[in-house]
């Protein structure tokens, strides 16, 4: 299992237990994956949230990206950053 120290991050203080479960699953599934392999996992996590009528806050999303990119190459981090920007545009 991946290092779950991020659970102690201030953004996780009052997180809904269902969101936390999805984040933990995502962190475990994405461990060691490239951006190309992690993207479908992000989409899957968002679909699970939507099915529960939930969404991640901006802080939770930022932390999720931080978790996913922790062990990625600079190129993969850049890809996910671009995806994050596209998602932010779609939320507006």
PDB file of N, CA and C in Angstrom:
ATOM      1  N   UNK A   1       0.834  -1.180   0.000  1.00  0.00           N
ATOM      2  CA  UNK A   1       0.000   0.000   0.000  1.00  0.00           C
ATOM      3  C   UNK A   1       0.878   1.243   0.000  1.00  0.00           C
ATOM      4  N   UNK A   2       0.430   2.230  -0.680  1.00  0.00           N
ATOM      5  CA  UNK A   2       1.132   3.501  -0.805  1.00  0.00           C
ATOM      6  C   UNK A   2       1.174   4.225   0.540  1.00  0.00           C
ATOM      7  N   UNK A   3       2.155   5.106   0.696  1.00  0.00           N
ATOM      8  CA  UNK A   3       2.266   5.948   1.876  1.00  0.00           C
ATOM      9  C   UNK A   3       1.009   6.807   1.984  1.00  0.00           C
ATOM     10  N   UNK A   4       0.310   6.707   3.077  1.00  0.00           N
ATOM     11  CA  UNK A   4      -0.942   7.441   3.246  1.00  0.00           C
ATOM     12  C   UNK A   4      -0.792   8.647   4.171  1.00  0.00           C
ATOM     13  N   UNK A   5       0.402   9.189   4.277  1.00  0.00           N
ATOM     14  CA  UNK A   5       0.647  10.360   5.106  1.00  0.00           C
ATOM     15  C   UNK A   5      -0.222  11.545   4.672  1.00  0.00           C
ATOM     16  N   UNK A   6      -0.554  11.622   3.409  1.00  0.00           N
ATOM     17  CA  UNK A   6      -1.369  12.718   2.892  1.00  0.00           C
ATOM     18  C   UNK A   6      -2.733  12.803   3.561  1.00  0.00           C
ATOM     19  N   UNK A   7      -3.176  11.727   4.177  1.00  0.00           N
ATOM     20  CA  UNK A   7      -4.472  11.737   4.866  1.00  0.00           C
ATOM     21  C   UNK A   7      -4.463  12.779   5.986  1.00  0.00           C
ATOM     22  N   UNK A   8      -3.288  13.099   6.509  1.00  0.00           N
ATOM     23  CA  UNK A   8      -3.172  14.086   7.579  1.00  0.00           C
ATOM     24  C   UNK A   8      -3.122  15.525   7.063  1.00  0.00           C
ATOM     25  N   UNK A   9      -3.179  15.706   5.747  1.00  0.00           N
ATOM     26  CA  UNK A   9      -3.160  17.041   5.134  1.00  0.00           C
ATOM     27  C   UNK A   9      -4.396  17.824   5.604  1.00  0.00           C
ATOM     28  N   UNK A  10      -4.259  19.131   5.848  1.00  0.00           N
ATOM     29  CA  UNK A  10      -5.406  19.938   6.297  1.00  0.00           C
ATOM     30  C   UNK A  10      -6.632  19.850   5.382  1.00  0.00           C
ATOM     31  N   UNK A  11      -6.437  19.644   4.096  1.00  0.00           N
ATOM     32  CA  UNK A  11      -7.572  19.532   3.176  1.00  0.00           C
ATOM     33  C   UNK A  11      -8.411  18.283   3.459  1.00  0.00           C
ATOM     34  N   UNK A  12      -7.841  17.331   4.173  1.00  0.00           N
ATOM     35  CA  UNK A  12      -8.540  16.082   4.471  1.00  0.00           C
ATOM     36  C   UNK A  12      -9.249  16.107   5.821  1.00  0.00           C
ATOM     37  N   UNK A  13      -9.106  17.194   6.545  1.00  0.00           N
ATOM     38  CA  UNK A  13      -9.625  17.282   7.925  1.00  0.00           C
ATOM     39  C   UNK A  13     -11.100  16.898   8.036  1.00  0.00           C
ATOM     40  N   UNK A  14     -11.928  17.478   7.200  1.00  0.00           N
ATOM     41  CA  UNK A  14     -13.370  17.247   7.302  1.00  0.00           C
ATOM     42  C   UNK A  14     -13.945  16.541   6.077  1.00  0.00           C
ATOM     43  N   UNK A  15     -13.106  15.780   5.394  1.00  0.00           N
ATOM     44  CA  UNK A  15     -13.553  15.134   4.157  1.00  0.00           C
ATOM     45  C   UNK A  15     -14.599  14.052   4.445  1.00  0.00           C
ATOM     46  N   UNK A  16     -15.557  13.987   3.576  1.00  0.00           N
ATOM     47  CA  UNK A  16     -16.588  12.958   3.628  1.00  0.00           C
ATOM     48  C   UNK A  16     -15.903  11.587   3.526  1.00  0.00           C
ATOM     49  N   UNK A  17     -16.340  10.649   4.331  1.00  0.00           N
ATOM     50  CA  UNK A  17     -15.725   9.311   4.356  1.00  0.00           C
ATOM     51  C   UNK A  17     -15.780   8.631   2.989  1.00  0.00           C
ATOM     52  N   UNK A  18     -16.827   8.905   2.223  1.00  0.00           N
ATOM     53  CA  UNK A  18     -16.944   8.293   0.887  1.00  0.00           C
ATOM     54  C   UNK A  18     -15.889   8.861  -0.049  1.00  0.00           C
ATOM     55  N   UNK A  19     -15.634  10.165   0.055  1.00  0.00           N
ATOM     56  CA  UNK A  19     -14.584  10.778  -0.758  1.00  0.00           C
ATOM     57  C   UNK A  19     -13.225  10.212  -0.374  1.00  0.00           C
ATOM     58  N   UNK A  20     -12.999  10.075   0.921  1.00  0.00           N
ATOM     59  CA  UNK A  20     -11.716   9.551   1.398  1.00  0.00           C
ATOM     60  C   UNK A  20     -11.489   8.138   0.873  1.00  0.00           C
ATOM     61  N   UNK A  21     -12.515   7.319   0.894  1.00  0.00           N
ATOM     62  CA  UNK A  21     -12.385   5.951   0.390  1.00  0.00           C
ATOM     63  C   UNK A  21     -12.001   5.955  -1.097  1.00  0.00           C
ATOM     64  N   UNK A  22     -12.610   6.850  -1.865  1.00  0.00           N
ATOM     65  CA  UNK A  22     -12.296   6.948  -3.290  1.00  0.00           C
ATOM     66  C   UNK A  22     -10.860   7.414  -3.480  1.00  0.00           C
ATOM     67  N   UNK A  23     -10.421   8.384  -2.670  1.00  0.00           N
ATOM     68  CA  UNK A  23      -9.038   8.868  -2.760  1.00  0.00           C
ATOM     69  C   UNK A  23      -8.028   7.777  -2.413  1.00  0.00           C
ATOM     70  N   UNK A  24      -8.302   7.021  -1.374  1.00  0.00           N
ATOM     71  CA  UNK A  24      -7.390   5.938  -0.972  1.00  0.00           C
ATOM     72  C   UNK A  24      -7.307   4.902  -2.086  1.00  0.00           C
ATOM     73  N   UNK A  25      -8.456   4.530  -2.659  1.00  0.00           N
ATOM     74  CA  UNK A  25      -8.457   3.583  -3.776  1.00  0.00           C
ATOM     75  C   UNK A  25      -7.646   4.132  -4.950  1.00  0.00           C
ATOM     76  N   UNK A  26      -7.854   5.409  -5.251  1.00  0.00           N
ATOM     77  CA  UNK A  26      -7.135   6.044  -6.352  1.00  0.00           C
ATOM     78  C   UNK A  26      -5.635   6.033  -6.099  1.00  0.00           C
ATOM     79  N   UNK A  27      -5.221   6.399  -4.902  1.00  0.00           N
ATOM     80  CA  UNK A  27      -3.798   6.422  -4.565  1.00  0.00           C
ATOM     81  C   UNK A  27      -3.184   5.036  -4.714  1.00  0.00           C
ATOM     82  N   UNK A  28      -3.898   4.021  -4.263  1.00  0.00           N
ATOM     83  CA  UNK A  28      -3.384   2.651  -4.363  1.00  0.00           C
ATOM     84  C   UNK A  28      -3.312   2.175  -5.809  1.00  0.00           C
ATOM     85  N   UNK A  29      -4.348   2.467  -6.584  1.00  0.00           N
ATOM     86  CA  UNK A  29      -4.380   2.023  -7.981  1.00  0.00           C
ATOM     87  C   UNK A  29      -3.363   2.768  -8.841  1.00  0.00           C
ATOM     88  N   UNK A  30      -3.109   4.031  -8.522  1.00  0.00           N
ATOM     89  CA  UNK A  30      -2.232   4.861  -9.350  1.00  0.00           C
ATOM     90  C   UNK A  30      -0.758   4.712  -9.003  1.00  0.00           C
ATOM     91  N   UNK A  31      -0.457   4.042  -7.931  1.00  0.00           N
ATOM     92  CA  UNK A  31       0.935   3.906  -7.497  1.00  0.00           C
ATOM     93  C   UNK A  31       1.801   3.362  -8.624  1.00  0.00           C
ATOM     94  N   UNK A  32       2.843   4.125  -8.963  1.00  0.00           N
ATOM     95  CA  UNK A  32       3.804   3.703  -9.965  1.00  0.00           C
ATOM     96  C   UNK A  32       3.342   3.847 -11.406  1.00  0.00           C
ATOM     97  N   UNK A  33       2.162   4.403 -11.621  1.00  0.00           N
ATOM     98  CA  UNK A  33       1.622   4.533 -12.976  1.00  0.00           C
ATOM     99  C   UNK A  33       2.090   5.846 -13.623  1.00  0.00           C
ATOM    100  N   UNK A  34       2.188   5.834 -14.948  1.00  0.00           N
ATOM    101  CA  UNK A  34       2.493   7.038 -15.703  1.00  0.00           C
ATOM    102  C   UNK A  34       1.211   7.865 -15.819  1.00  0.00           C
ATOM    103  N   UNK A  35       1.344   9.093 -16.312  1.00  0.00           N
ATOM    104  CA  UNK A  35       0.177   9.965 -16.483  1.00  0.00           C
ATOM    105  C   UNK A  35      -0.858   9.320 -17.401  1.00  0.00           C
ATOM    106  N   UNK A  36      -0.389   8.677 -18.456  1.00  0.00           N
ATOM    107  CA  UNK A  36      -1.312   8.033 -19.396  1.00  0.00           C
ATOM    108  C   UNK A  36      -2.124   6.928 -18.731  1.00  0.00           C
ATOM    109  N   UNK A  37      -1.515   6.229 -17.808  1.00  0.00           N
ATOM    110  CA  UNK A  37      -2.207   5.143 -17.110  1.00  0.00           C
ATOM    111  C   UNK A  37      -3.032   5.672 -15.937  1.00  0.00           C
ATOM    112  N   UNK A  38      -2.621   6.808 -15.358  1.00  0.00           N
ATOM    113  CA  UNK A  38      -3.339   7.380 -14.223  1.00  0.00           C
ATOM    114  C   UNK A  38      -4.609   8.113 -14.641  1.00  0.00           C
ATOM    115  N   UNK A  39      -4.622   8.673 -15.845  1.00  0.00           N
ATOM    116  CA  UNK A  39      -5.779   9.433 -16.308  1.00  0.00           C
ATOM    117  C   UNK A  39      -7.081   8.627 -16.250  1.00  0.00           C
ATOM    118  N   UNK A  40      -7.118   7.399 -16.745  1.00  0.00           N
ATOM    119  CA  UNK A  40      -8.364   6.638 -16.641  1.00  0.00           C
ATOM    120  C   UNK A  40      -8.789   6.409 -15.182  1.00  0.00           C
ATOM    121  N   UNK A  41      -7.816   6.331 -14.296  1.00  0.00           N
ATOM    122  CA  UNK A  41      -8.131   6.161 -12.882  1.00  0.00           C
ATOM    123  C   UNK A  41      -8.785   7.419 -12.318  1.00  0.00           C
ATOM    124  N   UNK A  42      -8.310   8.586 -12.757  1.00  0.00           N
ATOM    125  CA  UNK A  42      -8.919   9.850 -12.346  1.00  0.00           C
ATOM    126  C   UNK A  42     -10.359   9.936 -12.843  1.00  0.00           C
ATOM    127  N   UNK A  43     -10.563   9.552 -14.077  1.00  0.00           N
ATOM    128  CA  UNK A  43     -11.903   9.580 -14.659  1.00  0.00           C
ATOM    129  C   UNK A  43     -12.825   8.635 -13.894  1.00  0.00           C
ATOM    130  N   UNK A  44     -12.316   7.469 -13.563  1.00  0.00           N
ATOM    131  CA  UNK A  44     -13.081   6.478 -12.809  1.00  0.00           C
ATOM    132  C   UNK A  44     -13.446   7.022 -11.431  1.00  0.00           C
ATOM    133  N   UNK A  45     -12.489   7.683 -10.760  1.00  0.00           N
ATOM    134  CA  UNK A  45     -12.749   8.259  -9.437  1.00  0.00           C
ATOM    135  C   UNK A  45     -13.812   9.343  -9.518  1.00  0.00           C
ATOM    136  N   UNK A  46     -13.737  10.189 -10.538  1.00  0.00           N
ATOM    137  CA  UNK A  46     -14.744  11.233 -10.704  1.00  0.00           C
ATOM    138  C   UNK A  46     -16.123  10.645 -10.990  1.00  0.00           C
ATOM    139  N   UNK A  47     -16.164   9.562 -11.747  1.00  0.00           N
ATOM    140  CA  UNK A  47     -17.440   8.903 -12.024  1.00  0.00           C
ATOM    141  C   UNK A  47     -18.051   8.342 -10.742  1.00  0.00           C
ATOM    142  N   UNK A  48     -17.213   7.773  -9.887  1.00  0.00           N
ATOM    143  CA  UNK A  48     -17.698   7.256  -8.607  1.00  0.00           C
ATOM    144  C   UNK A  48     -18.276   8.392  -7.767  1.00  0.00           C
ATOM    145  N   UNK A  49     -17.576   9.530  -7.753  1.00  0.00           N
ATOM    146  CA  UNK A  49     -18.054  10.685  -7.001  1.00  0.00           C
ATOM    147  C   UNK A  49     -19.413  11.151  -7.521  1.00  0.00           C
ATOM    148  N   UNK A  50     -19.507  11.291  -8.831  1.00  0.00           N
ATOM    149  CA  UNK A  50     -20.757  11.761  -9.432  1.00  0.00           C
ATOM    150  C   UNK A  50     -21.908  10.821  -9.105  1.00  0.00           C
ATOM    151  N   UNK A  51     -21.636   9.518  -9.120  1.00  0.00           N
ATOM    152  CA  UNK A  51     -22.669   8.532  -8.802  1.00  0.00           C
ATOM    153  C   UNK A  51     -23.177   8.699  -7.368  1.00  0.00           C
ATOM    154  N   UNK A  52     -22.319   9.211  -6.505  1.00  0.00           N
ATOM    155  CA  UNK A  52     -22.696   9.453  -5.109  1.00  0.00           C
ATOM    156  C   UNK A  52     -23.207  10.878  -4.888  1.00  0.00           C
ATOM    157  N   UNK A  53     -23.222  11.672  -5.962  1.00  0.00           N
ATOM    158  CA  UNK A  53     -23.658  13.060  -5.841  1.00  0.00           C
ATOM    159  C   UNK A  53     -22.631  13.941  -5.146  1.00  0.00           C
ATOM    160  N   UNK A  54     -21.362  13.580  -5.271  1.00  0.00           N
ATOM    161  CA  UNK A  54     -20.284  14.314  -4.614  1.00  0.00           C
ATOM    162  C   UNK A  54     -19.326  14.898  -5.643  1.00  0.00           C
ATOM    163  N   UNK A  55     -18.544  15.874  -5.214  1.00  0.00           N
ATOM    164  CA  UNK A  55     -17.451  16.411  -6.015  1.00  0.00           C
ATOM    165  C   UNK A  55     -16.295  16.718  -5.079  1.00  0.00           C
ATOM    166  N   UNK A  56     -15.088  16.749  -5.639  1.00  0.00           N
ATOM    167  CA  UNK A  56     -13.928  17.146  -4.853  1.00  0.00           C
ATOM    168  C   UNK A  56     -13.857  18.666  -4.807  1.00  0.00           C
ATOM    169  N   UNK A  57     -13.455  19.195  -3.653  1.00  0.00           N
ATOM    170  CA  UNK A  57     -13.190  20.624  -3.546  1.00  0.00           C
ATOM    171  C   UNK A  57     -11.894  20.918  -4.292  1.00  0.00           C
ATOM    172  N   UNK A  58     -11.610  22.189  -4.502  1.00  0.00           N
ATOM    173  CA  UNK A  58     -10.364  22.576  -5.159  1.00  0.00           C
ATOM    174  C   UNK A  58      -9.172  22.049  -4.377  1.00  0.00           C
ATOM    175  N   UNK A  59      -9.215  22.170  -3.049  1.00  0.00           N
ATOM    176  CA  UNK A  59      -8.107  21.691  -2.211  1.00  0.00           C
ATOM    177  C   UNK A  59      -7.944  20.185  -2.330  1.00  0.00           C
ATOM    178  N   UNK A  60      -9.055  19.457  -2.345  1.00  0.00           N
ATOM    179  CA  UNK A  60      -8.992  18.001  -2.474  1.00  0.00           C
ATOM    180  C   UNK A  60      -8.447  17.598  -3.841  1.00  0.00           C
ATOM    181  N   UNK A  61      -8.856  18.320  -4.872  1.00  0.00           N
ATOM    182  CA  UNK A  61      -8.357  18.048  -6.220  1.00  0.00           C
ATOM    183  C   UNK A  61      -6.856  18.299  -6.294  1.00  0.00           C
ATOM    184  N   UNK A  62      -6.409  19.418  -5.735  1.00  0.00           N
ATOM    185  CA  UNK A  62      -4.979  19.733  -5.730  1.00  0.00           C
ATOM    186  C   UNK A  62      -4.189  18.649  -5.013  1.00  0.00           C
ATOM    187  N   UNK A  63      -4.702  18.195  -3.880  1.00  0.00           N
ATOM    188  CA  UNK A  63      -4.015  17.148  -3.134  1.00  0.00           C
ATOM    189  C   UNK A  63      -4.010  15.839  -3.919  1.00  0.00           C
ATOM    190  N   UNK A  64      -5.109  15.536  -4.579  1.00  0.00           N
ATOM    191  CA  UNK A  64      -5.182  14.317  -5.382  1.00  0.00           C
ATOM    192  C   UNK A  64      -4.122  14.336  -6.475  1.00  0.00           C
ATOM    193  N   UNK A  65      -3.971  15.467  -7.159  1.00  0.00           N
ATOM    194  CA  UNK A  65      -2.950  15.591  -8.201  1.00  0.00           C
ATOM    195  C   UNK A  65      -1.559  15.445  -7.587  1.00  0.00           C
ATOM    196  N   UNK A  66      -1.354  16.043  -6.416  1.00  0.00           N
ATOM    197  CA  UNK A  66      -0.060  15.932  -5.730  1.00  0.00           C
ATOM    198  C   UNK A  66       0.265  14.473  -5.411  1.00  0.00           C
ATOM    199  N   UNK A  67      -0.738  13.739  -4.950  1.00  0.00           N
ATOM    200  CA  UNK A  67      -0.559  12.322  -4.623  1.00  0.00           C
ATOM    201  C   UNK A  67      -0.193  11.534  -5.882  1.00  0.00           C
ATOM    202  N   UNK A  68      -0.926  11.788  -6.950  1.00  0.00           N
ATOM    203  CA  UNK A  68      -0.708  11.039  -8.194  1.00  0.00           C
ATOM    204  C   UNK A  68       0.637  11.336  -8.834  1.00  0.00           C
ATOM    205  N   UNK A  69       1.122  12.560  -8.684  1.00  0.00           N
ATOM    206  CA  UNK A  69       2.350  12.953  -9.380  1.00  0.00           C
ATOM    207  C   UNK A  69       3.610  12.765  -8.547  1.00  0.00           C
ATOM    208  N   UNK A  70       3.453  12.371  -7.325  1.00  0.00           N
ATOM    209  CA  UNK A  70       4.589  12.255  -6.403  1.00  0.00           C
ATOM    210  C   UNK A  70       5.783  11.508  -7.005  1.00  0.00           C
ATOM    211  N   UNK A  71       5.537  10.391  -7.647  1.00  0.00           N
ATOM    212  CA  UNK A  71       6.622   9.555  -8.172  1.00  0.00           C
ATOM    213  C   UNK A  71       6.734   9.600  -9.692  1.00  0.00           C
ATOM    214  N   UNK A  72       6.058  10.554 -10.331  1.00  0.00           N
ATOM    215  CA  UNK A  72       6.073  10.628 -11.789  1.00  0.00           C
ATOM    216  C   UNK A  72       7.245  11.445 -12.309  1.00  0.00           C
ATOM    217  N   UNK A  73       7.557  11.206 -13.564  1.00  0.00           N
ATOM    218  CA  UNK A  73       8.594  11.994 -14.231  1.00  0.00           C
ATOM    219  C   UNK A  73       8.078  13.409 -14.457  1.00  0.00           C
ATOM    220  N   UNK A  74       8.992  14.324 -14.769  1.00  0.00           N
ATOM    221  CA  UNK A  74       8.610  15.718 -15.031  1.00  0.00           C
ATOM    222  C   UNK A  74       7.634  15.804 -16.204  1.00  0.00           C
ATOM    223  N   UNK A  75       7.848  15.005 -17.230  1.00  0.00           N
ATOM    224  CA  UNK A  75       6.969  15.015 -18.399  1.00  0.00           C
ATOM    225  C   UNK A  75       5.561  14.561 -18.024  1.00  0.00           C
ATOM    226  N   UNK A  76       5.456  13.516 -17.206  1.00  0.00           N
ATOM    227  CA  UNK A  76       4.143  13.028 -16.786  1.00  0.00           C
ATOM    228  C   UNK A  76       3.455  14.046 -15.880  1.00  0.00           C
ATOM    229  N   UNK A  77       4.226  14.704 -15.021  1.00  0.00           N
ATOM    230  CA  UNK A  77       3.649  15.743 -14.157  1.00  0.00           C
ATOM    231  C   UNK A  77       3.083  16.877 -15.002  1.00  0.00           C
ATOM    232  N   UNK A  78       3.784  17.227 -16.068  1.00  0.00           N
ATOM    233  CA  UNK A  78       3.333  18.294 -16.945  1.00  0.00           C
ATOM    234  C   UNK A  78       2.022  17.899 -17.641  1.00  0.00           C
ATOM    235  N   UNK A  79       1.915  16.642 -18.064  1.00  0.00           N
ATOM    236  CA  UNK A  79       0.688  16.169 -18.699  1.00  0.00           C
ATOM    237  C   UNK A  79      -0.496  16.300 -17.742  1.00  0.00           C
ATOM    238  N   UNK A  80      -0.308  15.862 -16.513  1.00  0.00           N
ATOM    239  CA  UNK A  80      -1.401  15.935 -15.544  1.00  0.00           C
ATOM    240  C   UNK A  80      -1.735  17.383 -15.201  1.00  0.00           C
ATOM    241  N   UNK A  81      -0.741  18.240 -15.193  1.00  0.00           N
ATOM    242  CA  UNK A  81      -0.994  19.658 -14.924  1.00  0.00           C
ATOM    243  C   UNK A  81      -1.882  20.240 -16.024  1.00  0.00           C
ATOM    244  N   UNK A  82      -1.620  19.861 -17.266  1.00  0.00           N
ATOM    245  CA  UNK A  82      -2.451  20.332 -18.375  1.00  0.00           C
ATOM    246  C   UNK A  82      -3.881  19.819 -18.224  1.00  0.00           C
ATOM    247  N   UNK A  83      -4.027  18.574 -17.815  1.00  0.00           N
ATOM    248  CA  UNK A  83      -5.349  17.988 -17.608  1.00  0.00           C
ATOM    249  C   UNK A  83      -6.074  18.727 -16.491  1.00  0.00           C
ATOM    250  N   UNK A  84      -5.345  19.043 -15.433  1.00  0.00           N
ATOM    251  CA  UNK A  84      -5.929  19.769 -14.308  1.00  0.00           C
ATOM    252  C   UNK A  84      -6.455  21.129 -14.770  1.00  0.00           C
ATOM    253  N   UNK A  85      -5.705  21.807 -15.603  1.00  0.00           N
ATOM    254  CA  UNK A  85      -6.132  23.109 -16.116  1.00  0.00           C
ATOM    255  C   UNK A  85      -7.388  22.972 -16.971  1.00  0.00           C
ATOM    256  N   UNK A  86      -7.460  21.917 -17.771  1.00  0.00           N
ATOM    257  CA  UNK A  86      -8.656  21.701 -18.598  1.00  0.00           C
ATOM    258  C   UNK A  86      -9.871  21.435 -17.717  1.00  0.00           C
ATOM    259  N   UNK A  87      -9.681  20.651 -16.663  1.00  0.00           N
ATOM    260  CA  UNK A  87     -10.791  20.349 -15.744  1.00  0.00           C
ATOM    261  C   UNK A  87     -11.262  21.633 -15.067  1.00  0.00           C
ATOM    262  N   UNK A  88     -10.316  22.477 -14.665  1.00  0.00           N
ATOM    263  CA  UNK A  88     -10.676  23.737 -14.009  1.00  0.00           C
ATOM    264  C   UNK A  88     -11.490  24.622 -14.949  1.00  0.00           C
ATOM    265  N   UNK A  89     -11.119  24.652 -16.220  1.00  0.00           N
ATOM    266  CA  UNK A  89     -11.862  25.452 -17.205  1.00  0.00           C
ATOM    267  C   UNK A  89     -13.287  24.930 -17.357  1.00  0.00           C
ATOM    268  N   UNK A  90     -13.440  23.609 -17.334  1.00  0.00           N
ATOM    269  CA  UNK A  90     -14.766  23.000 -17.500  1.00  0.00           C
ATOM    270  C   UNK A  90     -15.672  23.244 -16.303  1.00  0.00           C
ATOM    271  N   UNK A  91     -15.087  23.452 -15.131  1.00  0.00           N
ATOM    272  CA  UNK A  91     -15.881  23.711 -13.932  1.00  0.00           C
ATOM    273  C   UNK A  91     -16.479  25.107 -13.929  1.00  0.00           C
ATOM    274  N   UNK A  92     -15.877  26.021 -14.698  1.00  0.00           N
ATOM    275  CA  UNK A  92     -16.334  27.417 -14.703  1.00  0.00           C
ATOM    276  C   UNK A  92     -17.574  27.620 -15.519  1.00  0.00           C
TER     277      UNK A  92
END
